[in-house]
Amino acid sequence: MPGRRAPSAGREQPSALDVAVRFLGTRPRSRWEVERRLAREGIGEVEIAAAVERLTELGYLDDAAFARWWGEQRDRHHPRGRRMIDAELRQRGVPREVIESYLAEHASPERAPEDVSLPGTEEERAAVALADHLRGRPYPDEGKARQRLGMFLVRRGFDADTVRTVLRRAAGEAASD
């Protein structure tokens, strides 16, 4: 296969720490993701535990920081509701208590976001997701089209009350234009 070297008998297996650092080089990862990657590389449990512990000591592995990073990326690029962020973090092996702590911090109205361009409340995130989805097109008049927009927001993890609020606000803005 072009571009891939064949395994050689004389070549040394990379250490768990080397593999983990290369894996962390592209983006932050959860502890579970790193452990899973190292296991896929055929590294033993003792070496995995030692590498993960060392990376945690150095500050490269922190599930709470990973959850904050993940949520910020979602807010910045593809806003999601609390339920969807919860599900995505669980899929990446973030412990339940870390997720709950992040969601409580993320949803608190008195939090001061570092970047004021990011949506702060659930309604603001839903409004941004709706605006991104519409991409400048007008808010629809037909009931079925509005229902599809509502389902779009529900699939993005927003609760029904938030979806109704955002759709009513969008309909009111469309009527006033």
Protein backbone atom coordinates (compact mmCIF):
# COMPACT_ATOMS: atom_id res chain seq x y z
CA MET A 1 0.00 0.00 0.00
CA PRO A 2 1.57 3.31 -1.00
CA GLY A 3 2.33 5.73 1.79
CA ARG A 4 2.43 3.09 4.52
CA ARG A 5 5.54 1.38 5.68
CA ALA A 6 5.50 -2.32 6.20
CA PRO A 7 6.23 -3.35 9.78
CA SER A 8 9.85 -4.29 10.20
CA ALA A 9 11.12 -6.73 12.73
CA GLY A 10 13.91 -4.38 13.82
CA ARG A 11 11.73 -1.33 14.36
CA GLU A 12 10.97 -0.39 17.94
CA GLN A 13 7.34 -0.07 19.11
CA PRO A 14 6.54 3.55 20.11
CA SER A 15 5.95 4.11 23.80
CA ALA A 16 2.45 4.64 25.19
CA LEU A 17 3.36 8.24 25.98
CA ASP A 18 4.52 8.88 22.39
CA VAL A 19 1.32 7.43 20.93
CA ALA A 20 -0.84 9.42 23.36
CA VAL A 21 0.98 12.70 22.71
CA ARG A 22 0.59 12.26 18.93
CA PHE A 23 -3.12 11.49 19.47
CA LEU A 24 -3.54 14.61 21.62
CA GLY A 25 -1.72 16.72 19.02
CA THR A 26 -4.77 17.20 16.83
CA ARG A 27 -7.31 18.27 19.49
CA PRO A 28 -8.05 17.81 23.19
CA ARG A 29 -9.28 14.34 24.10
CA SER A 30 -11.03 12.75 27.04
CA ARG A 31 -9.21 10.30 29.25
CA TRP A 32 -11.37 7.47 27.90
CA GLU A 33 -10.52 8.33 24.28
CA VAL A 34 -6.79 8.20 25.03
CA GLU A 35 -7.09 4.92 26.93
CA ARG A 36 -9.08 3.42 24.07
CA ARG A 37 -6.57 4.58 21.46
CA LEU A 38 -3.64 3.16 23.41
CA ALA A 39 -5.44 -0.16 23.82
CA ARG A 40 -6.05 -0.27 20.06
CA GLU A 41 -2.32 0.17 19.55
CA GLY A 42 -1.76 -3.02 21.54
CA ILE A 43 -0.25 -1.32 24.58
CA GLY A 44 -0.65 -3.12 27.90
CA GLU A 45 -2.92 -1.93 30.70
CA VAL A 46 -0.03 -1.07 33.04
CA GLU A 47 1.65 1.11 30.40
CA ILE A 48 -1.68 2.75 29.54
CA ALA A 49 -2.34 3.58 33.18
CA ALA A 50 1.16 5.02 33.60
CA ALA A 51 0.92 7.13 30.43
CA VAL A 52 -2.54 8.44 31.32
CA GLU A 53 -1.41 9.28 34.85
CA ARG A 54 1.65 11.15 33.54
CA LEU A 55 -0.40 13.10 30.99
CA THR A 56 -2.88 14.01 33.72
CA GLU A 57 -0.04 15.23 35.96
CA LEU A 58 1.30 17.36 33.10
CA GLY A 59 -2.16 18.83 32.45
CA TYR A 60 -2.64 17.33 28.99
CA LEU A 61 -5.55 15.14 30.09
CA ASP A 62 -8.38 16.80 31.97
CA ASP A 63 -11.96 15.70 31.39
CA ALA A 64 -13.39 18.93 32.83
CA ALA A 65 -11.24 21.03 30.48
CA PHE A 66 -12.20 18.72 27.61
CA ALA A 67 -15.92 19.21 28.39
CA ARG A 68 -15.48 23.01 28.42
CA TRP A 69 -13.57 22.87 25.12
CA TRP A 70 -16.19 20.61 23.54
CA GLY A 71 -19.04 22.87 24.65
CA GLU A 72 -17.26 25.98 23.41
CA GLN A 73 -16.65 24.38 20.02
CA ARG A 74 -20.32 23.49 19.83
CA ASP A 75 -21.37 27.03 20.78
CA ARG A 76 -18.99 28.51 18.25
CA HIS A 77 -19.62 26.26 15.25
CA HIS A 78 -22.73 24.08 15.67
CA PRO A 79 -24.84 25.08 18.68
CA ARG A 80 -26.48 22.18 20.47
CA GLY A 81 -28.87 21.88 23.38
CA ARG A 82 -28.00 20.52 26.82
CA ARG A 83 -29.27 17.04 26.00
CA MET A 84 -27.15 16.74 22.85
CA ILE A 85 -24.01 18.05 24.57
CA ASP A 86 -24.64 15.60 27.42
CA ALA A 87 -24.97 12.72 24.93
CA GLU A 88 -21.86 13.72 22.96
CA LEU A 89 -19.74 13.99 26.10
CA ARG A 90 -21.01 10.61 27.34
CA GLN A 91 -20.07 9.11 23.96
CA ARG A 92 -16.53 10.35 24.54
CA GLY A 93 -16.31 8.74 27.95
CA VAL A 94 -16.53 11.85 30.11
CA PRO A 95 -17.69 10.87 33.62
CA ARG A 96 -21.26 11.75 34.62
CA GLU A 97 -20.22 14.10 37.47
CA VAL A 98 -17.95 16.08 35.12
CA ILE A 99 -20.77 16.43 32.60
CA GLU A 100 -23.24 17.56 35.26
CA SER A 101 -20.73 20.07 36.63
CA TYR A 102 -20.06 21.43 33.14
CA LEU A 103 -23.75 21.71 32.26
CA ALA A 104 -24.51 23.46 35.56
CA GLU A 105 -21.67 25.94 34.95
CA HIS A 106 -22.57 26.33 31.27
CA ALA A 107 -26.24 27.03 31.94
CA SER A 108 -25.80 29.46 34.83
CA PRO A 109 -27.02 32.93 33.81
CA GLU A 110 -24.36 34.71 35.85
CA ARG A 111 -21.45 33.08 34.03
CA ALA A 112 -19.28 35.53 32.17
CA PRO A 113 -18.27 33.97 28.85
CA GLU A 114 -14.72 34.68 27.80
CA ASP A 115 -15.93 35.40 24.29
CA VAL A 116 -19.03 37.60 24.16
CA SER A 117 -19.73 36.44 20.59
CA LEU A 118 -20.73 33.00 21.91
CA PRO A 119 -24.38 32.41 22.80
CA GLY A 120 -24.89 32.30 26.55
CA THR A 121 -28.35 30.85 27.15
CA GLU A 122 -30.14 27.83 25.77
CA GLU A 123 -32.51 30.12 23.84
CA GLU A 124 -29.61 32.05 22.33
CA ARG A 125 -27.94 28.79 21.23
CA ALA A 126 -31.23 27.59 19.69
CA ALA A 127 -31.69 30.93 17.90
CA VAL A 128 -28.16 30.71 16.47
CA ALA A 129 -28.77 27.11 15.35
CA LEU A 130 -32.03 28.19 13.67
CA ALA A 131 -30.39 31.16 11.94
CA ASP A 132 -27.53 28.94 10.72
CA HIS A 133 -30.04 26.42 9.42
CA LEU A 134 -32.11 29.04 7.59
CA ARG A 135 -28.94 30.62 6.10
CA GLY A 136 -30.63 33.94 5.38
CA ARG A 137 -33.83 32.45 3.98
CA PRO A 138 -37.05 33.94 5.34
CA TYR A 139 -38.91 32.29 8.19
CA PRO A 140 -41.58 30.06 6.58
CA ASP A 141 -45.31 30.79 6.68
CA GLU A 142 -46.45 27.17 6.26
CA GLY A 143 -47.21 25.14 9.37
CA LYS A 144 -45.41 22.02 8.09
CA ALA A 145 -42.23 23.98 7.40
CA ARG A 146 -42.32 25.49 10.90
CA GLN A 147 -42.89 22.03 12.33
CA ARG A 148 -39.81 20.77 10.46
CA LEU A 149 -37.77 23.65 11.91
CA GLY A 150 -38.98 22.69 15.38
CA MET A 151 -37.98 19.07 14.84
CA PHE A 152 -34.59 20.22 13.57
CA LEU A 153 -34.02 22.04 16.86
CA VAL A 154 -35.25 19.08 18.92
CA ARG A 155 -32.79 16.81 17.08
CA ARG A 156 -30.06 19.28 18.06
CA GLY A 157 -30.87 18.63 21.72
CA PHE A 158 -33.06 21.60 22.59
CA ASP A 159 -36.07 20.98 24.81
CA ALA A 160 -39.62 21.62 23.60
CA ASP A 161 -40.13 24.80 25.65
CA THR A 162 -36.94 26.35 24.26
CA VAL A 163 -37.93 25.38 20.71
CA ARG A 164 -41.40 26.92 21.08
CA THR A 165 -39.93 30.13 22.51
CA VAL A 166 -37.38 30.48 19.72
CA LEU A 167 -39.87 29.68 16.96
CA ARG A 168 -42.40 32.18 18.35
CA ARG A 169 -39.71 34.85 18.56
CA ALA A 170 -38.58 34.09 14.97
CA ALA A 171 -42.19 34.22 13.75
CA GLY A 172 -42.69 37.56 15.51
CA GLU A 173 -39.54 38.98 13.94
CA ALA A 174 -40.61 37.71 10.52
CA ALA A 175 -44.05 39.31 10.92
CA SER A 176 -42.53 42.67 11.90
CA ASP A 177 -40.24 42.75 8.83
